[in-house]
């Protein structure tokens, strides 16, 4: 009877790390109340939920209202390392992992290390509902 070889410490740690990243990415941006999302398809949100001069992460998008009645949307992945941004302030879309920040109005880079703007998405208003795709 031969003994079963045990996985190396490196294999165990790599597997644990991969599992942790997978779980984190799956739960990093759940749809908020009042929003609907079907994975990578269109997402809806009530216009009233997007603050003037700010925004929200909604599903896999960042929706902003840089000035009253003007809505913009971008993909929620930071262009530095393709990880989700963490928050939207009254000044910027912020990826807290490495300090990149992006414009609420056009998704352009305000501070690096990111060098490319966020990917634009399309916002369509129908009454008080915004559809982002």
C-alpha atoms as a PDB file:
ATOM      1  CA  UNK A   1       0.000   0.000   0.000  1.00  0.00           C
ATOM      2  CA  UNK A   2       1.552   3.303  -1.072  1.00  0.00           C
ATOM      3  CA  UNK A   3       1.113   6.480   0.919  1.00  0.00           C
ATOM      4  CA  UNK A   4      -0.857   9.332  -0.634  1.00  0.00           C
ATOM      5  CA  UNK A   5       1.376  12.372  -1.190  1.00  0.00           C
ATOM      6  CA  UNK A   6       0.289  15.521   0.621  1.00  0.00           C
ATOM      7  CA  UNK A   7      -0.002  18.799  -1.299  1.00  0.00           C
ATOM      8  CA  UNK A   8       2.774  21.271  -0.692  1.00  0.00           C
ATOM      9  CA  UNK A   9       2.232  24.298   1.530  1.00  0.00           C
ATOM     10  CA  UNK A  10       2.455  26.491  -1.576  1.00  0.00           C
ATOM     11  CA  UNK A  11      -0.319  24.524  -3.313  1.00  0.00           C
ATOM     12  CA  UNK A  12      -2.597  24.808  -0.292  1.00  0.00           C
ATOM     13  CA  UNK A  13      -1.971  28.571   0.079  1.00  0.00           C
ATOM     14  CA  UNK A  14      -2.446  29.216  -3.653  1.00  0.00           C
ATOM     15  CA  UNK A  15      -5.734  27.311  -3.618  1.00  0.00           C
ATOM     16  CA  UNK A  16      -6.940  29.194  -0.527  1.00  0.00           C
ATOM     17  CA  UNK A  17      -5.969  32.526  -2.068  1.00  0.00           C
ATOM     18  CA  UNK A  18      -7.761  31.763  -5.317  1.00  0.00           C
ATOM     19  CA  UNK A  19     -10.885  30.727  -3.410  1.00  0.00           C
ATOM     20  CA  UNK A  20     -10.806  33.936  -1.335  1.00  0.00           C
ATOM     21  CA  UNK A  21     -10.463  36.162  -4.419  1.00  0.00           C
ATOM     22  CA  UNK A  22     -13.292  34.317  -6.175  1.00  0.00           C
ATOM     23  CA  UNK A  23     -15.607  34.737  -3.186  1.00  0.00           C
ATOM     24  CA  UNK A  24     -14.675  38.411  -2.801  1.00  0.00           C
ATOM     25  CA  UNK A  25     -15.261  39.247  -6.452  1.00  0.00           C
ATOM     26  CA  UNK A  26     -18.572  37.408  -6.454  1.00  0.00           C
ATOM     27  CA  UNK A  27     -19.792  39.480  -3.494  1.00  0.00           C
ATOM     28  CA  UNK A  28     -18.035  42.813  -3.982  1.00  0.00           C
ATOM     29  CA  UNK A  29     -20.889  44.613  -5.702  1.00  0.00           C
ATOM     30  CA  UNK A  30     -24.241  43.028  -4.996  1.00  0.00           C
ATOM     31  CA  UNK A  31     -27.285  44.728  -6.460  1.00  0.00           C
ATOM     32  CA  UNK A  32     -28.755  47.211  -3.998  1.00  0.00           C
ATOM     33  CA  UNK A  33     -32.404  47.477  -3.033  1.00  0.00           C
ATOM     34  CA  UNK A  34     -34.372  49.029  -5.854  1.00  0.00           C
ATOM     35  CA  UNK A  35     -31.981  47.777  -8.509  1.00  0.00           C
ATOM     36  CA  UNK A  36     -32.152  44.840 -10.826  1.00  0.00           C
ATOM     37  CA  UNK A  37     -29.372  43.104 -12.625  1.00  0.00           C
ATOM     38  CA  UNK A  38     -29.036  39.935 -14.611  1.00  0.00           C
ATOM     39  CA  UNK A  39     -25.287  39.392 -14.329  1.00  0.00           C
ATOM     40  CA  UNK A  40     -23.588  41.244 -17.150  1.00  0.00           C
ATOM     41  CA  UNK A  41     -26.857  42.410 -18.754  1.00  0.00           C
ATOM     42  CA  UNK A  42     -28.643  45.724 -18.290  1.00  0.00           C
ATOM     43  CA  UNK A  43     -29.153  47.060 -14.756  1.00  0.00           C
ATOM     44  CA  UNK A  44     -31.887  49.420 -13.587  1.00  0.00           C
ATOM     45  CA  UNK A  45     -31.936  51.927 -10.747  1.00  0.00           C
ATOM     46  CA  UNK A  46     -34.308  54.705  -9.686  1.00  0.00           C
ATOM     47  CA  UNK A  47     -32.949  58.111 -10.717  1.00  0.00           C
ATOM     48  CA  UNK A  48     -33.701  59.439  -7.217  1.00  0.00           C
ATOM     49  CA  UNK A  49     -31.113  56.987  -5.788  1.00  0.00           C
ATOM     50  CA  UNK A  50     -28.255  58.715  -7.641  1.00  0.00           C
ATOM     51  CA  UNK A  51     -27.198  61.851  -5.725  1.00  0.00           C
ATOM     52  CA  UNK A  52     -26.458  65.101  -7.564  1.00  0.00           C
ATOM     53  CA  UNK A  53     -22.682  65.636  -7.526  1.00  0.00           C
ATOM     54  CA  UNK A  54     -22.082  61.995  -6.615  1.00  0.00           C
ATOM     55  CA  UNK A  55     -23.091  58.513  -7.613  1.00  0.00           C
ATOM     56  CA  UNK A  56     -23.476  54.858  -6.672  1.00  0.00           C
ATOM     57  CA  UNK A  57     -22.092  51.487  -7.584  1.00  0.00           C
ATOM     58  CA  UNK A  58     -25.026  49.568  -9.055  1.00  0.00           C
ATOM     59  CA  UNK A  59     -24.406  45.971 -10.070  1.00  0.00           C
ATOM     60  CA  UNK A  60     -21.377  45.991 -12.347  1.00  0.00           C
ATOM     61  CA  UNK A  61     -21.634  49.700 -13.095  1.00  0.00           C
ATOM     62  CA  UNK A  62     -20.947  53.069 -11.499  1.00  0.00           C
ATOM     63  CA  UNK A  63     -23.783  55.536 -12.111  1.00  0.00           C
ATOM     64  CA  UNK A  64     -23.136  59.227 -11.472  1.00  0.00           C
ATOM     65  CA  UNK A  65     -25.063  62.493 -11.641  1.00  0.00           C
ATOM     66  CA  UNK A  66     -22.322  65.117 -12.018  1.00  0.00           C
ATOM     67  CA  UNK A  67     -24.951  67.876 -12.348  1.00  0.00           C
ATOM     68  CA  UNK A  68     -28.707  67.818 -11.833  1.00  0.00           C
ATOM     69  CA  UNK A  69     -30.451  65.736 -14.493  1.00  0.00           C
ATOM     70  CA  UNK A  70     -27.251  64.537 -16.184  1.00  0.00           C
ATOM     71  CA  UNK A  71     -26.518  60.840 -15.661  1.00  0.00           C
ATOM     72  CA  UNK A  72     -23.334  59.030 -16.645  1.00  0.00           C
ATOM     73  CA  UNK A  73     -22.355  55.387 -16.264  1.00  0.00           C
ATOM     74  CA  UNK A  74     -19.131  53.414 -16.369  1.00  0.00           C
ATOM     75  CA  UNK A  75     -17.966  49.871 -15.837  1.00  0.00           C
ATOM     76  CA  UNK A  76     -17.036  49.320 -12.171  1.00  0.00           C
ATOM     77  CA  UNK A  77     -13.610  47.787 -12.848  1.00  0.00           C
ATOM     78  CA  UNK A  78     -10.585  50.009 -12.185  1.00  0.00           C
ATOM     79  CA  UNK A  79      -8.331  50.160 -15.232  1.00  0.00           C
ATOM     80  CA  UNK A  80      -5.200  49.738 -13.104  1.00  0.00           C
ATOM     81  CA  UNK A  81      -5.614  46.071 -12.163  1.00  0.00           C
ATOM     82  CA  UNK A  82      -9.174  45.315 -13.309  1.00  0.00           C
ATOM     83  CA  UNK A  83     -10.558  45.102  -9.752  1.00  0.00           C
ATOM     84  CA  UNK A  84     -13.847  46.703  -8.640  1.00  0.00           C
ATOM     85  CA  UNK A  85     -13.807  50.304  -7.432  1.00  0.00           C
ATOM     86  CA  UNK A  86     -14.937  50.674  -3.814  1.00  0.00           C
ATOM     87  CA  UNK A  87     -16.904  53.907  -3.517  1.00  0.00           C
ATOM     88  CA  UNK A  88     -18.209  57.093  -5.087  1.00  0.00           C
ATOM     89  CA  UNK A  89     -17.659  60.378  -3.256  1.00  0.00           C
ATOM     90  CA  UNK A  90     -18.856  63.889  -4.072  1.00  0.00           C
ATOM     91  CA  UNK A  91     -15.538  64.386  -5.863  1.00  0.00           C
ATOM     92  CA  UNK A  92     -14.642  61.124  -7.606  1.00  0.00           C
ATOM     93  CA  UNK A  93     -15.075  57.421  -8.266  1.00  0.00           C
ATOM     94  CA  UNK A  94     -12.459  55.841  -5.989  1.00  0.00           C
ATOM     95  CA  UNK A  95     -10.508  52.608  -6.166  1.00  0.00           C
ATOM     96  CA  UNK A  96      -9.043  52.383  -2.686  1.00  0.00           C
ATOM     97  CA  UNK A  97      -6.727  49.467  -3.444  1.00  0.00           C
ATOM     98  CA  UNK A  98      -3.965  51.593  -4.994  1.00  0.00           C
ATOM     99  CA  UNK A  99      -5.375  55.135  -4.860  1.00  0.00           C
ATOM    100  CA  UNK A 100      -6.728  55.632  -8.380  1.00  0.00           C
ATOM    101  CA  UNK A 101      -9.656  58.007  -8.751  1.00  0.00           C
ATOM    102  CA  UNK A 102     -11.828  58.882 -11.720  1.00  0.00           C
ATOM    103  CA  UNK A 103     -14.019  61.805 -12.822  1.00  0.00           C
ATOM    104  CA  UNK A 104     -17.750  61.651 -12.071  1.00  0.00           C
ATOM    105  CA  UNK A 105     -18.458  63.394 -15.396  1.00  0.00           C
ATOM    106  CA  UNK A 106     -16.464  61.339 -17.891  1.00  0.00           C
ATOM    107  CA  UNK A 107     -14.612  58.557 -16.037  1.00  0.00           C
ATOM    108  CA  UNK A 108     -11.206  60.043 -16.859  1.00  0.00           C
ATOM    109  CA  UNK A 109      -8.282  59.448 -14.499  1.00  0.00           C
ATOM    110  CA  UNK A 110      -7.904  62.068 -11.758  1.00  0.00           C
ATOM    111  CA  UNK A 111      -5.150  60.282  -9.818  1.00  0.00           C
ATOM    112  CA  UNK A 112      -3.116  57.190 -10.710  1.00  0.00           C
ATOM    113  CA  UNK A 113      -1.676  54.643 -10.851  1.00  0.00           C
ATOM    114  CA  UNK A 114      -4.492  53.976 -13.381  1.00  0.00           C
ATOM    115  CA  UNK A 115      -3.653  55.480 -16.763  1.00  0.00           C
ATOM    116  CA  UNK A 116      -6.870  54.802 -18.693  1.00  0.00           C
ATOM    117  CA  UNK A 117     -10.389  56.106 -18.113  1.00  0.00           C
ATOM    118  CA  UNK A 118     -13.151  53.830 -16.880  1.00  0.00           C
ATOM    119  CA  UNK A 119     -15.106  52.080 -19.622  1.00  0.00           C
ATOM    120  CA  UNK A 120     -18.217  54.055 -20.569  1.00  0.00           C
ATOM    121  CA  UNK A 121     -21.646  52.468 -20.331  1.00  0.00           C
ATOM    122  CA  UNK A 122     -24.957  53.666 -21.749  1.00  0.00           C
ATOM    123  CA  UNK A 123     -27.631  55.257 -19.543  1.00  0.00           C
ATOM    124  CA  UNK A 124     -31.222  55.424 -20.771  1.00  0.00           C
ATOM    125  CA  UNK A 125     -33.895  57.227 -18.743  1.00  0.00           C
ATOM    126  CA  UNK A 126     -37.508  56.051 -18.838  1.00  0.00           C
ATOM    127  CA  UNK A 127     -39.559  58.107 -16.405  1.00  0.00           C
ATOM    128  CA  UNK A 128     -37.847  57.795 -13.001  1.00  0.00           C
ATOM    129  CA  UNK A 129     -35.938  54.636 -13.955  1.00  0.00           C
ATOM    130  CA  UNK A 130     -32.409  54.525 -15.381  1.00  0.00           C
ATOM    131  CA  UNK A 131     -31.307  51.522 -17.429  1.00  0.00           C
ATOM    132  CA  UNK A 132     -27.555  50.996 -17.666  1.00  0.00           C
ATOM    133  CA  UNK A 133     -25.968  48.720 -20.240  1.00  0.00           C
END
